[in-house]
Amino acid sequence: MASPHVFLIGGATAFALGRTAADEAELLTLVTAPEYRRQGLARRCLAAFEAEAAQRGATVSLLEVAADNHAACDLYASAGYNEAGRRRGYYDSSTDALILRKKIASS
């Protein structure tokens, strides 16, 4: 967190942790407390992450998600992320990581 390229969006109920490098942003984690899920907090944190990343000069957002995490995959797809790659057996021998990518507007 001490790096000037790392940033946190949100608070105790939901947050996004990301970093920027050159013109890319990477969403490191997106978390919503269980009792606050299905209220749009993750979607708002994701949008705020993208806005902050764009303000920092990023034109592309990248993230990794477990292929079997259907709720997260649905959220990212609905936000405009597309599969850019796949890491087979990344989480365990039967769970792939999807690498998702989205162009974002730089400020």
Protein backbone atom coordinates (compact mmCIF):
# COMPACT_ATOMS: atom_id res chain seq x y z
CA MET A 1 0.00 0.00 0.00
CA ALA A 2 2.96 2.33 0.39
CA SER A 3 3.53 2.45 -3.36
CA PRO A 4 2.13 5.53 -5.10
CA HIS A 5 0.83 3.21 -7.82
CA VAL A 6 -1.44 1.23 -5.46
CA PHE A 7 -4.84 2.58 -4.50
CA LEU A 8 -7.88 1.56 -2.48
CA ILE A 9 -11.49 2.43 -3.28
CA GLY A 10 -14.36 1.91 -0.83
CA GLY A 11 -14.50 1.07 2.84
CA ALA A 12 -15.54 -1.54 5.39
CA THR A 13 -18.52 -2.99 3.49
CA ALA A 14 -16.95 -3.14 0.01
CA PHE A 15 -13.62 -2.19 -1.51
CA ALA A 16 -11.45 -2.49 -4.59
CA LEU A 17 -7.67 -2.64 -4.44
CA GLY A 18 -5.76 -1.82 -7.58
CA ARG A 19 -2.53 -0.55 -9.03
CA THR A 20 -1.39 1.24 -12.13
CA ALA A 21 1.70 0.84 -14.27
CA ALA A 22 2.19 2.95 -17.37
CA ASP A 23 -1.18 2.96 -19.17
CA GLU A 24 -2.54 -0.19 -17.49
CA ALA A 25 -4.52 -0.70 -14.32
CA GLU A 26 -4.83 -4.02 -12.54
CA LEU A 27 -7.71 -4.82 -10.22
CA LEU A 28 -6.02 -6.86 -7.51
CA THR A 29 -9.14 -7.65 -5.48
CA LEU A 30 -12.78 -6.65 -5.24
CA VAL A 31 -14.55 -7.57 -2.00
CA THR A 32 -18.05 -7.13 -0.62
CA ALA A 33 -18.91 -8.20 2.93
CA PRO A 34 -21.36 -11.14 2.73
CA GLU A 35 -24.23 -9.31 4.43
CA TYR A 36 -23.97 -6.46 1.88
CA ARG A 37 -23.88 -8.51 -1.32
CA ARG A 38 -26.47 -8.11 -4.09
CA GLN A 39 -26.84 -4.38 -3.34
CA GLY A 40 -24.68 -3.01 -6.16
CA LEU A 41 -21.68 -2.17 -3.98
CA ALA A 42 -19.23 -4.24 -6.03
CA ARG A 43 -20.47 -2.61 -9.24
CA ARG A 44 -19.99 0.85 -7.73
CA CYS A 45 -16.52 -0.02 -6.44
CA LEU A 46 -15.58 -1.37 -9.87
CA ALA A 47 -16.77 1.83 -11.56
CA ALA A 48 -14.88 3.94 -9.01
CA PHE A 49 -11.76 1.80 -9.55
CA GLU A 50 -11.97 2.39 -13.30
CA ALA A 51 -12.48 6.13 -12.82
CA GLU A 52 -9.48 6.40 -10.49
CA ALA A 53 -7.37 4.28 -12.85
CA ALA A 54 -8.31 6.51 -15.78
CA GLN A 55 -7.46 9.61 -13.74
CA ARG A 56 -4.04 8.07 -13.14
CA GLY A 57 -3.55 7.67 -16.90
CA ALA A 58 -4.64 4.07 -17.45
CA THR A 59 -6.38 3.26 -20.72
CA VAL A 60 -6.78 -0.48 -20.05
CA SER A 61 -8.03 -2.36 -17.00
CA LEU A 62 -6.98 -5.97 -16.35
CA LEU A 63 -7.98 -8.51 -13.73
CA GLU A 64 -7.93 -12.23 -12.99
CA VAL A 65 -10.93 -14.19 -11.76
CA ALA A 66 -11.59 -17.86 -11.10
CA ALA A 67 -13.49 -19.29 -14.06
CA ASP A 68 -15.97 -20.94 -11.69
CA ASN A 69 -16.78 -17.71 -9.84
CA HIS A 70 -19.95 -17.14 -11.86
CA ALA A 71 -21.19 -14.13 -9.89
CA ALA A 72 -17.91 -12.27 -10.42
CA CYS A 73 -17.68 -13.32 -14.07
CA ASP A 74 -21.22 -12.04 -14.65
CA LEU A 75 -20.39 -8.73 -12.96
CA TYR A 76 -17.26 -8.21 -15.04
CA ALA A 77 -18.97 -9.22 -18.29
CA SER A 78 -21.83 -6.81 -17.63
CA ALA A 79 -19.25 -4.07 -16.99
CA GLY A 80 -17.66 -4.65 -20.40
CA TYR A 81 -14.72 -6.94 -19.58
CA ASN A 82 -13.74 -9.56 -22.14
CA GLU A 83 -11.56 -12.63 -21.83
CA ALA A 84 -8.01 -11.87 -22.90
CA GLY A 85 -6.43 -15.10 -21.72
CA ARG A 86 -6.68 -18.12 -19.46
CA ARG A 87 -4.32 -19.71 -16.98
CA ARG A 88 -5.17 -23.39 -16.86
CA GLY A 89 -5.19 -24.96 -13.39
CA TYR A 90 -4.14 -21.68 -11.79
CA TYR A 91 -6.18 -21.94 -8.58
CA ASP A 92 -6.09 -25.73 -8.38
CA SER A 93 -5.86 -28.53 -10.91
CA SER A 94 -9.47 -28.05 -12.01
CA THR A 95 -9.94 -24.26 -11.73
CA ASP A 96 -8.65 -21.91 -14.39
CA ALA A 97 -8.01 -18.20 -13.96
CA LEU A 98 -9.57 -15.98 -16.59
CA ILE A 99 -7.63 -12.87 -17.54
CA LEU A 100 -10.16 -10.16 -18.34
CA ARG A 101 -9.52 -6.87 -20.10
CA LYS A 102 -11.44 -3.67 -20.73
CA LYS A 103 -10.51 -0.41 -22.42
CA ILE A 104 -11.21 2.55 -20.18
CA ALA A 105 -11.22 6.24 -21.01
CA SER A 106 -8.19 8.12 -19.73
CA SER A 107 -8.77 11.53 -18.14
